[in-house]
C-alpha cells in the first residue's frame, strides 16, 4: 500500500513539474549534491542557511492562492521547507508563485493519498494550513 501511495505522489509531482518547473541546472547537470535548507538535507535549490524557526504573522490565517503575497505567504513557504518532505526548496520571498503552488499541490496530493477526501485545489485554506503545520506520515520529514 505504501509503495502505491508513493507512486501516486511521485506521479502527481512529476505532472506538476512537467508544467514548467525545472530542476535547478547544477542538479540536472549532475553537479554537486543539493545543499541543506533549514536543517534538512537534500532540498534541491536550497541556499546554505542555518535553520530558523518559521515566524507566524499576527491575526487569523488567511486563504492563500497563486498571486497572494505578504507575510503569510512567507510563513507558508517556510513551513513547506521545514515541515514537509517536498524535495524542492521554495524561496521565502512572500510571493505565491509557481514554485509555491507546486509545493502546495505536492502537499495536498500527498495528504489526499494518505487520508483520502482531502482536496487538491492549490488553495491554502484551513485544511491545507493544518497539514502544512503538521503533515501526516510520509508527507512529513
Protein backbone atom coordinates (compact mmCIF):
# COMPACT_ATOMS: atom_id res chain seq x y z
CA UNK A 1 0.00 0.00 0.00
CA UNK A 2 2.83 2.41 0.88
CA UNK A 3 4.51 1.77 -2.50
CA UNK A 4 1.23 2.57 -4.24
CA UNK A 5 0.88 5.81 -2.28
CA UNK A 6 4.45 6.85 -3.01
CA UNK A 7 3.97 6.04 -6.70
CA UNK A 8 0.83 8.21 -6.80
CA UNK A 9 2.57 11.12 -5.09
CA UNK A 10 5.59 10.78 -7.37
CA UNK A 11 3.34 10.76 -10.46
CA UNK A 12 1.46 13.83 -9.25
CA UNK A 13 4.64 15.75 -8.52
CA UNK A 14 6.04 14.74 -11.91
CA UNK A 15 2.90 16.16 -13.51
CA UNK A 16 3.33 19.44 -11.65
CA UNK A 17 6.98 19.62 -12.63
CA UNK A 18 6.06 18.98 -16.26
CA UNK A 19 4.10 22.25 -16.18
CA UNK A 20 7.36 24.15 -16.34
CA UNK A 21 9.12 23.67 -13.04
CA UNK A 22 12.66 22.70 -13.94
CA UNK A 23 15.22 21.11 -11.67
CA UNK A 24 18.00 23.65 -10.98
CA UNK A 25 20.74 23.36 -13.57
CA UNK A 26 23.50 22.17 -11.20
CA UNK A 27 21.39 19.24 -10.05
CA UNK A 28 20.19 18.48 -13.57
CA UNK A 29 23.74 18.52 -14.89
CA UNK A 30 24.94 16.10 -12.23
CA UNK A 31 26.53 18.91 -10.24
CA UNK A 32 27.20 18.91 -6.53
CA UNK A 33 24.69 17.42 -4.13
CA UNK A 34 21.87 19.75 -3.14
CA UNK A 35 22.63 21.92 -0.16
CA UNK A 36 20.61 21.83 3.01
CA UNK A 37 17.73 24.07 3.92
CA UNK A 38 16.63 24.81 7.45
CA UNK A 39 18.40 21.72 8.74
CA UNK A 40 17.04 19.45 6.01
CA UNK A 41 19.47 17.62 3.79
CA UNK A 42 18.60 17.28 0.13
CA UNK A 43 16.28 20.19 -0.64
CA UNK A 44 17.01 20.90 -4.29
CA UNK A 45 17.95 24.51 -4.95
CA UNK A 46 18.33 25.47 -1.30
CA UNK A 47 20.82 28.12 -0.23
CA UNK A 48 23.27 27.33 2.55
CA UNK A 49 21.46 28.83 5.51
CA UNK A 50 21.15 27.86 9.12
CA UNK A 51 17.85 26.60 10.50
CA UNK A 52 15.47 29.34 11.54
CA UNK A 53 12.04 28.92 13.07
CA UNK A 54 9.10 29.93 10.93
CA UNK A 55 7.59 33.13 12.29
CA UNK A 56 3.79 33.18 12.22
CA UNK A 57 2.32 36.61 11.47
CA UNK A 58 -0.38 38.01 13.71
CA UNK A 59 -4.07 37.59 13.04
CA UNK A 60 -6.14 34.80 11.52
CA UNK A 61 -4.62 32.56 8.86
CA UNK A 62 -5.99 33.75 5.50
CA UNK A 63 -6.85 31.65 2.48
CA UNK A 64 -3.93 31.92 0.06
CA UNK A 65 -3.72 31.17 -3.64
CA UNK A 66 -1.41 31.85 -6.57
CA UNK A 67 -0.92 35.62 -6.77
CA UNK A 68 -1.21 36.17 -3.00
CA UNK A 69 1.68 37.97 -1.32
CA UNK A 70 2.90 39.09 2.07
CA UNK A 71 3.96 37.77 5.45
CA UNK A 72 1.50 34.86 5.44
CA UNK A 73 2.90 33.60 2.13
CA UNK A 74 6.44 33.82 3.56
CA UNK A 75 5.24 31.80 6.57
CA UNK A 76 3.69 29.17 4.28
CA UNK A 77 6.90 28.96 2.24
CA UNK A 78 8.90 28.44 5.44
CA UNK A 79 6.52 25.65 6.53
CA UNK A 80 6.82 23.93 3.14
CA UNK A 81 10.61 23.99 3.50
CA UNK A 82 10.82 22.93 7.14
CA UNK A 83 7.84 20.63 7.77
CA UNK A 84 7.21 18.72 4.56
CA UNK A 85 9.11 16.09 2.62
CA UNK A 86 8.74 18.15 -0.59
CA UNK A 87 12.12 17.84 -2.34
CA UNK A 88 12.41 21.32 -3.79
CA UNK A 89 13.33 24.46 -1.88
CA UNK A 90 10.62 27.14 -2.02
CA UNK A 91 12.08 30.66 -1.92
CA UNK A 92 10.76 32.55 1.08
CA UNK A 93 10.10 35.73 -0.87
CA UNK A 94 6.48 36.38 0.14
CA UNK A 95 5.14 35.82 -3.38
CA UNK A 96 2.81 32.88 -4.08
CA UNK A 97 4.15 31.92 -7.49
CA UNK A 98 4.60 28.69 -9.41
CA UNK A 99 7.17 27.16 -7.04
CA UNK A 100 4.96 27.80 -4.01
CA UNK A 101 1.97 26.44 -5.94
CA UNK A 102 3.95 23.29 -6.78
CA UNK A 103 4.80 22.80 -3.08
CA UNK A 104 1.16 23.32 -2.04
CA UNK A 105 -0.10 20.91 -4.71
CA UNK A 106 2.51 18.35 -3.65
CA UNK A 107 1.37 18.62 -0.02
CA UNK A 108 -2.29 18.36 -0.98
CA UNK A 109 -1.71 15.34 -3.23
CA UNK A 110 0.42 13.66 -0.57
CA UNK A 111 -2.27 14.20 2.07
CA UNK A 112 -5.00 13.10 -0.37
CA UNK A 113 -3.17 9.83 -0.97
CA UNK A 114 -2.55 9.34 2.75
CA UNK A 115 -6.01 10.31 4.02
CA UNK A 116 -8.44 10.48 1.11
CA UNK A 117 -11.04 13.21 0.65
CA UNK A 118 -8.51 15.96 1.38
CA UNK A 119 -9.00 18.03 -1.75
CA UNK A 120 -6.38 19.20 -4.24
CA UNK A 121 -7.10 22.73 -5.44
CA UNK A 122 -3.87 24.71 -4.97
CA UNK A 123 -5.51 26.98 -2.39
CA UNK A 124 -4.31 27.17 1.19
CA UNK A 125 -7.40 27.17 3.39
CA UNK A 126 -7.97 25.68 6.87
CA UNK A 127 -7.25 22.07 5.87
CA UNK A 128 -4.04 22.85 3.99
CA UNK A 129 -2.84 25.19 6.76
CA UNK A 130 -3.36 22.35 9.24
CA UNK A 131 -1.33 19.93 7.14
CA UNK A 132 1.43 22.47 6.43
CA UNK A 133 1.78 22.87 10.19
CA UNK A 134 1.57 19.14 10.92
CA UNK A 135 1.89 16.87 7.83
CA UNK A 136 0.88 13.21 8.14
CA UNK A 137 3.04 10.13 7.68
CA UNK A 138 5.35 10.13 4.69
CA UNK A 139 4.37 13.74 3.83
CA UNK A 140 6.37 14.84 6.89
CA UNK A 141 10.14 14.84 7.24
